[in-house]
Amino acid sequence: MAAPVNVSNATNVTATAASEVDENQYSDDATWILTSAFIIFTMQSGFGLLESGTVSPKNEVNIMVKNASDVLYGGLAYWMFGYAFSFGDSPWSNAFCGLGQFFVDAEEAKMGWVFSKFFFQMSFATTATTIVSGAMAERTKLQAYMAFCVLNTLVFCFPSHWAWDSKGWLNKMGYVDVGGAGPVHLLGGVCSLVATLILGPRHGRWDRDEAPPMGSPTNALLGMFMLWWGWLGFNCGSTFGITGGKWKLAARSAVSTITASMGGGIVAVVLSYVTKKRKFDISYLINGILGALVGVTGICALAHPWEGLAIGAVGSFLSCVGTEMMVKLRIDDPVGCFPVHGLCSVWAILAVGIFGHVDGLEGVSRYDGLIRGGGFYLLGVQALGAVTFISWACVMSFILLKVIDKTIGLRVSLEEELIGADICEHGVGSPDDNPTPEFTEASGKDSADSDDDGVLPTLLARGGPVRRSKRPHSLGKRFGLRRLSFRSSFRKPPRSVLSLTGGQKDHPPGLDNPRPVYDHSPDGNGALLYPKIVVG
């Protein structure tokens, strides 16, 4: 085992020394930290666009609102108690958690450093939560997710203390995690897996072999580019300054991050071309690049360009193969959160133990990795950290999600899931604004029982007057329609249709995609009954 090098560490791993010195010496570092945090904050937009572009159009607004909730409620919780448990500096702070600085504030002499550090770490905390929103997409109540944003801060704040605070037990052992592969991505990925297992799959997800089509591949790709940009701030800002030798580490972080994404993107394109019958699958490209970025996060300030390329290639392979593995296991993860952030972050943590080396600039690492002749010590410490984070996230997220499920309820009703959260929870949009569902005129007849053979009904005219209702999800009342007809967005026709009357209905010749039928029968007072879904 290589002997540890006695150097001070002012990076994100143990960024506490500056608070004990005249902070005017660190004004440049604070500026760098704030600028990086602003860039990281834009990743919320990237996650929102990626997730909303991946899910069906009827839930895209709801996904964006949930990403805003990460900052609103998760940020509030981190200000109230999260920062205190992560980096509280009172005499009662210990190896397990920090204490002090609840409801973060600081006196004028120290506020520059304290506020910069708080804002930077808060951006990490909200990122760890927003990862989970993709796995819970299209079937989770907004109120339940808001509660989760608050409680998930407890999942993040203690591991961040173990890894990054000078008193943390993992940090004292020599654990290295420059950009948050463990406290951010691994925790977020494991919480995503637990959440999707508790929620179960989306309705009808496994009735077909192929996944539902993306609502907007363009938005998903744009979200990937915004995350790509944000990752540079994520990794480079984790040097926690530019004074001394930290600016050199920041430059190395930028190069290793971009080379990792290159390697990951190329591997994803090749895998898609080989396994998808010479098609360049968009989800492979997105998950491959993001998996590569996750893979290099832990070692970004230490990795040479060729190491970043190799680490990114492995991360991309894990994310693409992991996504297919989730399908084989019938685990419905709409955005691929666990393969990208869970599997690739384990690789990111272990890669430090393989490629890491003693850092003589700022003491990011005190030990050499496996291929540097340092033996298995650093690799063992990194593996211990990964196992600890996985165990902690599994237990804590299961408890918190079960509490929310028993009190508020996690999952929306079947009817709301079919109609979409945009209308049910936000009153946004209307079915005729969405090209996926098509609605017949209020003629009292559906295409299934039309008298004209081979003649499809006309579409409801756009821009017509819409009658508002106190229950926007009651589509029959809202639009004055007796029958609504939804055209399936899948390529293969479903084996059965949904109907209030039960049973299957015949479809006119030439209609390739049978459509679920919603019948609204008048009650004794002439009003329309509230529809109840029966699987026919």
Protein backbone atom coordinates (compact mmCIF):
# COMPACT_ATOMS: atom_id res chain seq x y z
CA MET A 1 0.00 0.00 0.00
CA ALA A 2 1.34 3.43 -0.91
CA ALA A 3 2.03 5.78 1.94
CA PRO A 4 -0.31 8.77 2.13
CA VAL A 5 1.03 12.12 1.10
CA ASN A 6 0.57 14.90 3.65
CA VAL A 7 -0.87 17.71 1.59
CA SER A 8 -3.72 20.08 2.32
CA ASN A 9 -6.89 19.56 0.34
CA ALA A 10 -9.06 22.54 -0.55
CA THR A 11 -11.13 20.82 -3.18
CA ASN A 12 -14.71 19.63 -2.94
CA VAL A 13 -13.50 16.57 -1.06
CA THR A 14 -12.60 18.60 2.02
CA ALA A 15 -13.47 22.20 1.31
CA THR A 16 -13.39 23.51 4.87
CA ALA A 17 -10.00 25.09 5.38
CA ALA A 18 -10.92 28.41 3.82
CA SER A 19 -13.53 29.17 6.47
CA GLU A 20 -10.78 29.28 9.09
CA VAL A 21 -8.64 31.81 7.23
CA ASP A 22 -9.20 35.35 6.08
CA GLU A 23 -11.78 34.78 3.38
CA ASN A 24 -10.59 37.78 1.38
CA GLN A 25 -7.79 35.53 0.19
CA TYR A 26 -10.41 33.28 -1.36
CA SER A 27 -12.57 35.81 -3.18
CA ASP A 28 -11.49 34.38 -6.54
CA ASP A 29 -12.40 30.90 -5.36
CA ALA A 30 -15.83 32.11 -4.24
CA THR A 31 -16.40 33.73 -7.63
CA TRP A 32 -15.48 30.48 -9.38
CA ILE A 33 -17.77 28.47 -7.11
CA LEU A 34 -20.73 30.79 -7.66
CA THR A 35 -20.24 30.83 -11.43
CA SER A 36 -20.07 27.05 -11.52
CA ALA A 37 -23.19 26.81 -9.35
CA PHE A 38 -25.09 29.05 -11.77
CA ILE A 39 -24.14 26.70 -14.60
CA ILE A 40 -25.13 23.66 -12.55
CA PHE A 41 -28.50 25.29 -11.89
CA THR A 42 -29.22 25.23 -15.63
CA MET A 43 -29.10 21.43 -15.44
CA GLN A 44 -32.61 21.58 -13.99
CA SER A 45 -33.73 22.81 -17.41
CA GLY A 46 -31.78 20.02 -19.05
CA PHE A 47 -33.35 17.34 -16.89
CA GLY A 48 -36.78 18.85 -17.49
CA LEU A 49 -36.41 18.92 -21.27
CA LEU A 50 -34.90 15.44 -21.40
CA GLU A 51 -37.65 13.91 -19.27
CA SER A 52 -40.53 15.81 -20.87
CA GLY A 53 -39.23 14.86 -24.32
CA THR A 54 -39.00 11.21 -23.35
CA VAL A 55 -42.48 10.80 -21.81
CA SER A 56 -45.78 11.12 -23.63
CA PRO A 57 -46.98 14.66 -24.50
CA LYS A 58 -49.87 14.43 -22.03
CA ASN A 59 -47.38 14.59 -19.12
CA GLU A 60 -44.69 16.98 -20.35
CA VAL A 61 -45.87 20.05 -18.40
CA ASN A 62 -46.17 17.98 -15.23
CA ILE A 63 -42.56 16.83 -15.58
CA MET A 64 -41.34 20.42 -15.88
CA VAL A 65 -43.31 21.41 -12.77
CA LYS A 66 -41.73 18.54 -10.85
CA ASN A 67 -38.28 19.76 -11.84
CA ALA A 68 -39.19 23.20 -10.51
CA SER A 69 -40.37 21.54 -7.30
CA ASP A 70 -36.89 20.10 -6.81
CA VAL A 71 -35.54 23.60 -6.32
CA LEU A 72 -38.54 25.01 -4.49
CA TYR A 73 -38.97 22.33 -1.84
CA GLY A 74 -35.62 20.55 -1.99
CA GLY A 75 -33.75 23.86 -1.85
CA LEU A 76 -35.83 25.02 1.12
CA ALA A 77 -35.13 21.79 2.99
CA TYR A 78 -31.40 22.05 2.30
CA TRP A 79 -31.36 25.61 3.63
CA MET A 80 -33.31 24.59 6.75
CA PHE A 81 -31.42 21.45 7.77
CA GLY A 82 -29.57 19.82 4.86
CA TYR A 83 -26.50 22.04 4.94
CA ALA A 84 -26.32 21.74 8.72
CA PHE A 85 -26.18 17.94 8.58
CA SER A 86 -23.66 18.05 5.71
CA PHE A 87 -21.21 20.76 6.72
CA GLY A 88 -22.26 22.11 10.12
CA ASP A 89 -19.12 23.17 11.96
CA SER A 90 -20.21 23.23 15.59
CA PRO A 91 -18.17 21.35 18.24
CA TRP A 92 -20.89 18.67 18.16
CA SER A 93 -20.09 17.74 14.55
CA ASN A 94 -18.77 14.20 14.21
CA ALA A 95 -17.81 11.52 11.69
CA PHE A 96 -21.46 10.68 10.93
CA CYS A 97 -23.00 14.14 10.47
CA GLY A 98 -22.38 17.81 10.84
CA LEU A 99 -24.30 19.97 13.30
CA GLY A 100 -24.83 23.71 13.37
CA GLN A 101 -25.78 26.35 10.81
CA PHE A 102 -29.44 25.36 10.60
CA PHE A 103 -31.36 27.94 8.53
CA VAL A 104 -28.09 29.03 6.95
CA ASP A 105 -26.91 32.54 7.69
CA ALA A 106 -23.52 34.09 8.35
CA GLU A 107 -21.95 37.19 9.77
CA GLU A 108 -20.44 39.71 7.39
CA ALA A 109 -16.86 38.58 7.95
CA LYS A 110 -17.60 35.02 6.78
CA MET A 111 -20.67 35.31 4.62
CA GLY A 112 -18.82 35.30 1.29
CA TRP A 113 -17.40 31.83 1.75
CA VAL A 114 -20.35 30.36 3.67
CA PHE A 115 -22.96 31.52 1.16
CA SER A 116 -20.87 30.46 -1.84
CA LYS A 117 -20.37 27.01 -0.40
CA PHE A 118 -24.04 26.70 0.56
CA PHE A 119 -25.29 27.68 -2.88
CA PHE A 120 -22.91 25.29 -4.63
CA GLN A 121 -23.82 22.34 -2.41
CA MET A 122 -27.53 23.15 -2.69
CA SER A 123 -27.27 22.76 -6.47
CA PHE A 124 -25.83 19.29 -5.87
CA ALA A 125 -28.64 18.40 -3.45
CA THR A 126 -31.40 19.43 -5.87
CA THR A 127 -29.69 17.52 -8.69
CA ALA A 128 -29.71 14.34 -6.59
CA THR A 129 -33.49 14.73 -6.21
CA THR A 130 -34.32 15.64 -9.80
CA ILE A 131 -32.69 12.41 -11.01
CA VAL A 132 -35.51 10.48 -9.33
CA SER A 133 -38.28 12.43 -11.09
CA GLY A 134 -37.57 10.65 -14.38
CA ALA A 135 -38.08 7.21 -12.88
CA MET A 136 -41.38 8.27 -11.29
CA ALA A 137 -42.69 9.93 -14.45
CA GLU A 138 -46.26 9.61 -15.76
CA ARG A 139 -47.80 7.94 -12.70
CA THR A 140 -46.88 9.92 -9.58
CA LYS A 141 -49.02 12.47 -7.76
CA LEU A 142 -47.55 15.94 -7.75
CA GLN A 143 -48.31 16.43 -4.04
CA ALA A 144 -46.48 13.21 -3.22
CA TYR A 145 -43.47 14.28 -5.27
CA MET A 146 -43.33 17.64 -3.49
CA ALA A 147 -43.18 15.83 -0.16
CA PHE A 148 -40.45 13.59 -1.55
CA CYS A 149 -38.37 16.63 -2.55
CA VAL A 150 -38.27 17.73 1.08
CA LEU A 151 -37.59 14.31 2.58
CA ASN A 152 -34.99 13.26 -0.01
CA THR A 153 -32.68 15.92 1.40
CA LEU A 154 -32.17 13.54 4.32
CA VAL A 155 -30.95 10.90 1.89
CA PHE A 156 -28.35 13.26 0.42
CA CYS A 157 -26.99 15.32 3.30
CA PHE A 158 -25.43 12.58 5.46
CA PRO A 159 -23.45 10.81 2.69
CA SER A 160 -22.16 14.18 1.48
CA HIS A 161 -20.77 14.72 4.99
CA TRP A 162 -19.09 11.31 4.97
CA ALA A 163 -17.42 11.94 1.61
CA TRP A 164 -16.58 15.65 1.60
CA ASP A 165 -16.38 17.07 5.10
CA SER A 166 -13.01 16.95 6.84
CA LYS A 167 -14.61 15.06 9.76
CA GLY A 168 -16.45 12.54 7.57
CA TRP A 169 -15.44 8.93 8.19
CA LEU A 170 -15.04 8.06 4.51
CA ASN A 171 -13.00 11.17 3.88
CA LYS A 172 -10.62 10.29 6.71
CA MET A 173 -10.05 6.87 5.12
CA GLY A 174 -8.98 8.51 1.85
CA TYR A 175 -12.20 8.19 -0.17
CA VAL A 176 -12.03 10.32 -3.34
CA ASP A 177 -15.06 11.68 -5.17
CA VAL A 178 -14.36 14.97 -6.91
CA GLY A 179 -17.70 15.66 -8.60
CA GLY A 180 -20.25 13.68 -6.61
CA ALA A 181 -20.50 10.25 -8.26
CA GLY A 182 -21.55 8.77 -4.91
CA PRO A 183 -23.48 11.41 -2.94
CA VAL A 184 -25.29 12.74 -6.03
CA HIS A 185 -25.57 10.16 -8.82
CA LEU A 186 -25.44 6.86 -6.96
CA LEU A 187 -27.93 8.03 -4.37
CA GLY A 188 -30.20 9.42 -7.08
CA GLY A 189 -29.93 6.25 -9.17
CA VAL A 190 -30.68 3.88 -6.29
CA CYS A 191 -33.60 6.03 -5.11
CA SER A 192 -34.92 5.88 -8.69
CA LEU A 193 -34.84 2.09 -8.67
CA VAL A 194 -36.61 1.88 -5.31
CA ALA A 195 -39.24 4.39 -6.44
CA THR A 196 -40.07 2.62 -9.69
CA LEU A 197 -40.31 -0.74 -7.90
CA ILE A 198 -42.75 0.68 -5.37
CA LEU A 199 -44.81 2.48 -8.00
CA GLY A 200 -44.91 -0.39 -10.46
CA PRO A 201 -44.97 -0.01 -14.25
CA ARG A 202 -47.09 2.44 -16.20
CA HIS A 203 -50.46 1.07 -17.29
CA GLY A 204 -50.05 -1.20 -20.29
CA ARG A 205 -46.26 -0.77 -20.41
CA TRP A 206 -45.56 -4.50 -20.77
CA ASP A 207 -48.47 -5.27 -23.09
CA ARG A 208 -46.10 -4.55 -25.95
CA ASP A 209 -42.49 -5.46 -26.54
CA GLU A 210 -41.40 -2.02 -27.70
CA ALA A 211 -41.28 1.05 -25.48
CA PRO A 212 -43.72 3.93 -25.99
CA PRO A 213 -42.38 6.44 -28.51
CA MET A 214 -40.75 9.62 -27.27
CA GLY A 215 -43.10 12.56 -26.97
CA SER A 216 -40.48 14.92 -28.42
CA PRO A 217 -37.07 13.51 -29.40
CA THR A 218 -35.92 17.04 -30.22
CA ASN A 219 -36.62 18.24 -26.68
CA ALA A 220 -34.89 15.18 -25.27
CA LEU A 221 -31.78 15.91 -27.35
CA LEU A 222 -31.85 19.57 -26.37
CA GLY A 223 -32.05 18.51 -22.74
CA MET A 224 -29.02 16.30 -23.26
CA PHE A 225 -27.03 19.24 -24.64
CA MET A 226 -27.99 21.39 -21.64
CA LEU A 227 -26.91 18.62 -19.27
CA TRP A 228 -23.66 18.27 -21.22
CA TRP A 229 -23.00 21.96 -20.74
CA GLY A 230 -24.00 21.82 -17.08
CA TRP A 231 -21.69 18.86 -16.44
CA LEU A 232 -18.68 20.99 -17.29
CA GLY A 233 -19.66 23.36 -14.49
CA PHE A 234 -20.45 20.37 -12.31
CA ASN A 235 -17.01 18.78 -12.65
CA CYS A 236 -14.82 21.86 -13.10
CA GLY A 237 -16.53 23.70 -10.25
CA SER A 238 -15.87 20.75 -7.95
CA THR A 239 -12.23 21.82 -7.71
CA PHE A 240 -13.77 24.42 -5.38
CA GLY A 241 -11.67 27.29 -6.62
CA ILE A 242 -8.98 28.46 -9.00
CA THR A 243 -6.27 29.70 -6.60
CA GLY A 244 -3.05 27.78 -6.11
CA GLY A 245 -3.05 24.66 -8.22
CA LYS A 246 -6.83 24.36 -8.40
CA TRP A 247 -7.09 26.15 -11.73
CA LYS A 248 -4.92 23.40 -13.23
CA LEU A 249 -7.22 20.75 -11.79
CA ALA A 250 -10.20 22.61 -13.24
CA ALA A 251 -8.59 22.60 -16.69
CA ARG A 252 -7.87 18.88 -16.41
CA SER A 253 -11.47 18.29 -15.31
CA ALA A 254 -12.76 20.05 -18.43
CA VAL A 255 -10.61 17.95 -20.77
CA SER A 256 -11.33 14.62 -19.08
CA THR A 257 -15.05 15.40 -19.04
CA ILE A 258 -15.22 16.21 -22.73
CA THR A 259 -13.07 13.23 -23.77
CA ALA A 260 -15.24 10.93 -21.68
CA SER A 261 -18.36 12.18 -23.44
CA MET A 262 -16.66 11.63 -26.80
CA GLY A 263 -15.81 8.03 -25.97
CA GLY A 264 -19.28 7.42 -24.56
CA GLY A 265 -21.07 8.90 -27.54
CA ILE A 266 -19.07 6.86 -30.04
CA VAL A 267 -19.67 3.63 -28.15
CA ALA A 268 -23.41 4.38 -27.98
CA VAL A 269 -23.62 5.04 -31.73
CA VAL A 270 -21.75 1.81 -32.54
CA LEU A 271 -23.91 -0.23 -30.15
CA SER A 272 -27.07 1.18 -31.65
CA TYR A 273 -25.92 0.54 -35.20
CA VAL A 274 -25.01 -3.08 -34.40
CA THR A 275 -27.96 -4.02 -32.20
CA LYS A 276 -30.75 -1.89 -33.71
CA LYS A 277 -30.51 -3.09 -37.30
CA ARG A 278 -28.34 -0.21 -38.51
CA LYS A 279 -30.48 2.43 -36.83
CA PHE A 280 -29.04 5.24 -34.72
CA ASP A 281 -31.31 5.04 -31.70
CA ILE A 282 -31.82 8.39 -29.95
CA SER A 283 -32.15 6.87 -26.49
CA TYR A 284 -28.84 5.04 -26.92
CA LEU A 285 -27.10 8.27 -27.88
CA ILE A 286 -28.55 10.20 -24.94
CA ASN A 287 -27.97 7.52 -22.32
CA GLY A 288 -24.52 6.74 -23.68
CA ILE A 289 -23.26 10.30 -23.42
CA LEU A 290 -24.84 10.86 -20.01
CA GLY A 291 -23.53 7.53 -18.72
CA ALA A 292 -20.03 8.52 -19.82
CA LEU A 293 -20.34 11.86 -18.03
CA VAL A 294 -21.45 10.11 -14.85
CA GLY A 295 -18.56 7.66 -15.19
CA VAL A 296 -15.87 10.35 -15.19
CA THR A 297 -17.44 12.48 -12.45
CA GLY A 298 -15.58 10.90 -9.53
CA ILE A 299 -12.09 11.16 -11.05
CA CYS A 300 -12.41 14.16 -13.36
CA ALA A 301 -9.67 16.24 -11.69
CA LEU A 302 -7.21 13.32 -11.73
CA ALA A 303 -7.86 11.60 -15.07
CA HIS A 304 -5.64 12.09 -18.10
CA PRO A 305 -7.41 12.54 -21.45
CA TRP A 306 -6.94 8.91 -22.55
CA GLU A 307 -8.21 7.71 -19.17
CA GLY A 308 -11.28 9.89 -19.53
CA LEU A 309 -11.90 8.42 -22.98
CA ALA A 310 -11.68 4.85 -21.65
CA ILE A 311 -13.78 5.57 -18.55
CA GLY A 312 -16.46 7.23 -20.65
CA ALA A 313 -16.57 4.32 -23.09
CA VAL A 314 -17.17 1.83 -20.27
CA GLY A 315 -19.81 4.10 -18.71
CA SER A 316 -21.65 4.34 -22.02
CA PHE A 317 -21.62 0.57 -22.46
CA LEU A 318 -23.01 0.06 -18.95
CA SER A 319 -25.81 2.56 -19.43
CA CYS A 320 -26.95 1.13 -22.80
CA VAL A 321 -26.74 -2.49 -21.69
CA GLY A 322 -28.31 -1.60 -18.35
CA THR A 323 -31.28 -0.01 -20.09
CA GLU A 324 -31.92 -3.22 -22.03
CA MET A 325 -31.48 -5.22 -18.82
CA MET A 326 -34.21 -3.17 -17.14
CA VAL A 327 -36.56 -4.05 -20.00
CA LYS A 328 -35.73 -7.75 -19.69
CA LEU A 329 -36.46 -7.57 -15.96
CA ARG A 330 -39.69 -5.65 -16.68
CA ILE A 331 -38.72 -2.72 -14.48
CA ASP A 332 -40.35 0.39 -15.89
CA ASP A 333 -37.82 3.23 -15.72
CA PRO A 334 -39.15 5.69 -18.35
CA VAL A 335 -35.99 7.77 -18.69
CA GLY A 336 -33.34 5.19 -17.75
CA CYS A 337 -32.37 6.83 -14.46
CA PHE A 338 -30.97 3.75 -12.75
CA PRO A 339 -28.77 2.51 -15.63
CA VAL A 340 -27.35 5.98 -16.28
CA HIS A 341 -26.94 7.28 -12.73
CA GLY A 342 -26.91 4.06 -10.68
CA LEU A 343 -24.77 1.61 -12.64
CA CYS A 344 -22.44 4.22 -14.11
CA SER A 345 -21.83 5.91 -10.76
CA VAL A 346 -20.65 2.60 -9.28
CA TRP A 347 -18.18 2.40 -12.14
CA ALA A 348 -17.20 6.04 -11.52
CA ILE A 349 -16.40 5.33 -7.86
CA LEU A 350 -14.40 2.19 -8.65
CA ALA A 351 -12.55 3.91 -11.51
CA VAL A 352 -10.91 6.18 -8.94
CA GLY A 353 -9.45 3.11 -7.22
CA ILE A 354 -8.15 1.83 -10.54
CA PHE A 355 -6.83 4.98 -12.27
CA GLY A 356 -6.33 7.32 -9.30
CA HIS A 357 -2.98 8.68 -8.24
CA VAL A 358 -1.47 10.86 -5.57
CA ASP A 359 -2.22 14.52 -6.27
CA GLY A 360 0.66 16.85 -5.46
CA LEU A 361 -1.21 20.02 -6.39
CA GLU A 362 -4.07 20.17 -3.90
CA GLY A 363 -4.15 16.74 -2.31
CA VAL A 364 -7.31 15.49 -3.99
CA SER A 365 -6.03 11.94 -3.54
CA ARG A 366 -3.58 10.75 -0.90
CA TYR A 367 -3.13 7.26 -2.36
CA ASP A 368 -2.25 5.70 -5.70
CA GLY A 369 -4.73 3.50 -7.52
CA LEU A 370 -4.38 -0.08 -8.67
CA ILE A 371 -2.60 0.48 -12.00
CA ARG A 372 -0.34 3.11 -10.40
CA GLY A 373 1.21 0.56 -8.04
CA GLY A 374 -0.82 1.55 -5.02
CA GLY A 375 -2.32 -1.88 -4.47
CA PHE A 376 -5.92 -2.48 -3.51
CA TYR A 377 -6.25 -0.01 -0.63
CA LEU A 378 -7.81 2.89 -2.56
CA LEU A 379 -9.95 0.50 -4.59
CA GLY A 380 -11.15 -1.09 -1.36
CA VAL A 381 -12.04 2.26 0.19
CA GLN A 382 -13.92 3.25 -2.95
CA ALA A 383 -15.81 -0.06 -2.98
CA LEU A 384 -16.72 0.41 0.69
CA GLY A 385 -18.08 3.85 -0.14
CA ALA A 386 -20.19 2.48 -3.01
CA VAL A 387 -21.68 -0.30 -0.87
CA THR A 388 -22.40 2.17 1.91
CA PHE A 389 -24.16 4.63 -0.38
CA ILE A 390 -26.26 1.87 -1.97
CA SER A 391 -27.32 0.46 1.39
CA TRP A 392 -28.14 3.88 2.81
CA ALA A 393 -30.15 4.94 -0.23
CA CYS A 394 -32.11 1.68 -0.38
CA VAL A 395 -33.16 1.78 3.27
CA MET A 396 -33.86 5.52 3.52
CA SER A 397 -35.70 5.90 0.22
CA PHE A 398 -37.86 2.82 0.90
CA ILE A 399 -38.90 4.17 4.30
CA LEU A 400 -39.60 7.69 3.05
CA LEU A 401 -41.51 6.58 -0.05
CA LYS A 402 -43.59 4.13 1.95
CA VAL A 403 -44.49 6.86 4.45
CA ILE A 404 -45.59 9.11 1.58
CA ASP A 405 -47.52 6.25 -0.03
CA LYS A 406 -49.42 5.48 3.16
CA THR A 407 -50.25 9.13 3.90
CA ILE A 408 -50.60 11.06 0.64
CA GLY A 409 -50.52 8.22 -1.86
CA LEU A 410 -47.81 7.97 -4.51
CA ARG A 411 -49.68 6.85 -7.60
CA VAL A 412 -52.44 8.59 -9.52
CA SER A 413 -55.65 6.77 -10.40
CA LEU A 414 -55.88 4.72 -13.59
CA GLU A 415 -58.21 7.24 -15.21
CA GLU A 416 -55.89 10.16 -14.46
CA GLU A 417 -52.93 8.19 -15.75
CA LEU A 418 -54.72 7.51 -19.04
CA ILE A 419 -55.91 11.09 -19.47
CA GLY A 420 -52.59 12.65 -18.45
CA ALA A 421 -51.27 14.76 -15.60
CA ASP A 422 -51.20 17.97 -17.66
CA ILE A 423 -54.99 18.12 -17.76
CA CYS A 424 -55.72 16.40 -14.45
CA GLU A 425 -53.28 18.27 -12.22
CA HIS A 426 -52.69 21.52 -14.08
CA GLY A 427 -55.70 22.07 -16.33
CA VAL A 428 -53.27 22.71 -19.16
CA GLY A 429 -53.99 21.94 -22.78
CA SER A 430 -56.80 19.92 -24.30
CA PRO A 431 -56.96 16.64 -26.16
CA ASP A 432 -57.29 18.29 -29.55
CA ASP A 433 -54.07 20.22 -28.91
CA ASN A 434 -52.26 16.90 -28.78
CA PRO A 435 -51.73 15.10 -32.07
CA THR A 436 -51.63 11.71 -30.37
CA PRO A 437 -55.30 11.48 -29.30
CA GLU A 438 -57.92 12.17 -31.96
CA PHE A 439 -61.47 13.11 -31.03
CA THR A 440 -64.65 12.61 -33.01
CA GLU A 441 -67.34 15.18 -33.41
CA ALA A 442 -70.12 15.29 -30.83
CA SER A 443 -72.38 13.30 -33.10
CA GLY A 444 -73.21 10.53 -30.68
CA LYS A 445 -71.34 7.97 -32.80
CA ASP A 446 -67.83 6.66 -32.61
CA SER A 447 -65.73 5.42 -35.49
CA ALA A 448 -66.24 1.87 -34.20
CA ASP A 449 -69.98 1.92 -34.87
CA SER A 450 -70.13 4.34 -37.75
CA ASP A 451 -72.76 3.64 -40.41
CA ASP A 452 -70.37 4.62 -43.19
CA ASP A 453 -68.02 1.76 -43.94
CA GLY A 454 -64.42 2.80 -44.36
CA VAL A 455 -65.15 6.45 -43.53
CA LEU A 456 -63.31 7.81 -40.55
CA PRO A 457 -64.93 10.53 -38.44
CA THR A 458 -63.82 14.10 -38.81
CA LEU A 459 -61.63 15.66 -36.17
CA LEU A 460 -62.89 18.12 -33.65
CA ALA A 461 -62.16 21.57 -35.05
CA ARG A 462 -59.27 23.35 -33.39
CA GLY A 463 -59.74 26.73 -31.86
CA GLY A 464 -63.43 26.21 -31.12
CA PRO A 465 -65.02 27.39 -27.90
CA VAL A 466 -64.20 25.16 -24.95
CA ARG A 467 -66.56 24.97 -22.00
CA ARG A 468 -64.65 25.02 -18.70
CA SER A 469 -65.45 22.67 -15.87
CA LYS A 470 -64.56 22.50 -12.22
CA ARG A 471 -63.26 19.02 -12.99
CA PRO A 472 -60.95 19.51 -15.98
CA HIS A 473 -60.18 15.81 -16.15
CA SER A 474 -63.86 15.02 -16.78
CA LEU A 475 -63.40 15.28 -20.51
CA GLY A 476 -66.95 14.38 -21.44
CA LYS A 477 -68.36 17.30 -19.49
CA ARG A 478 -65.60 19.68 -20.48
CA PHE A 479 -66.00 19.27 -24.22
CA GLY A 480 -69.66 18.24 -24.38
CA LEU A 481 -68.81 14.99 -26.13
CA ARG A 482 -70.80 11.80 -25.80
CA ARG A 483 -67.94 9.68 -27.00
CA LEU A 484 -64.19 10.20 -27.11
CA SER A 485 -61.89 8.09 -29.22
CA PHE A 486 -58.13 7.81 -28.65
CA ARG A 487 -55.87 6.53 -31.40
CA SER A 488 -53.06 4.41 -30.05
CA SER A 489 -49.60 5.87 -30.53
CA PHE A 490 -47.96 2.46 -30.71
CA ARG A 491 -47.09 0.70 -33.90
CA LYS A 492 -48.66 -2.62 -32.99
CA PRO A 493 -52.43 -2.75 -32.34
CA PRO A 494 -53.38 -3.57 -28.76
CA ARG A 495 -54.97 -6.89 -28.01
CA SER A 496 -57.95 -5.31 -26.30
CA VAL A 497 -59.62 -1.94 -25.98
CA LEU A 498 -60.88 -0.04 -22.97
CA SER A 499 -64.60 0.52 -22.92
CA LEU A 500 -67.18 1.51 -20.40
CA THR A 501 -69.49 -1.02 -21.93
CA GLY A 502 -66.93 -3.85 -21.65
CA GLY A 503 -65.85 -6.17 -24.43
CA GLN A 504 -64.23 -5.31 -27.73
CA LYS A 505 -65.70 -3.37 -30.60
CA ASP A 506 -65.19 -3.92 -34.29
CA HIS A 507 -63.19 -1.36 -36.18
CA PRO A 508 -63.76 -0.08 -39.69
CA PRO A 509 -61.62 -1.42 -42.52
CA GLY A 510 -58.37 0.43 -43.04
CA LEU A 511 -57.99 1.44 -39.40
CA ASP A 512 -54.65 -0.04 -38.40
CA ASN A 513 -54.69 1.06 -34.77
CA PRO A 514 -57.78 0.11 -32.73
CA ARG A 515 -58.66 2.85 -30.30
CA PRO A 516 -59.85 2.76 -26.69
CA VAL A 517 -63.44 4.02 -26.53
CA TYR A 518 -64.89 6.19 -23.77
CA ASP A 519 -68.71 6.08 -23.65
CA HIS A 520 -70.63 8.68 -21.64
CA SER A 521 -74.24 7.63 -21.12
CA PRO A 522 -76.79 10.17 -19.84
CA ASP A 523 -78.27 9.63 -16.40
CA GLY A 524 -81.86 10.23 -15.40
CA ASN A 525 -81.41 14.00 -15.24
CA GLY A 526 -79.95 14.26 -18.69
CA ALA A 527 -76.43 14.94 -17.43
CA LEU A 528 -73.36 12.91 -18.35
CA LEU A 529 -72.12 10.40 -15.85
CA TYR A 530 -68.53 10.65 -14.59
CA PRO A 531 -66.72 7.93 -16.58
CA LYS A 532 -65.34 4.83 -14.92
CA ILE A 533 -62.71 2.82 -16.75
CA VAL A 534 -63.39 -0.89 -17.21
CA VAL A 535 -60.84 -3.09 -18.94
CA GLY A 536 -62.65 -4.93 -21.69
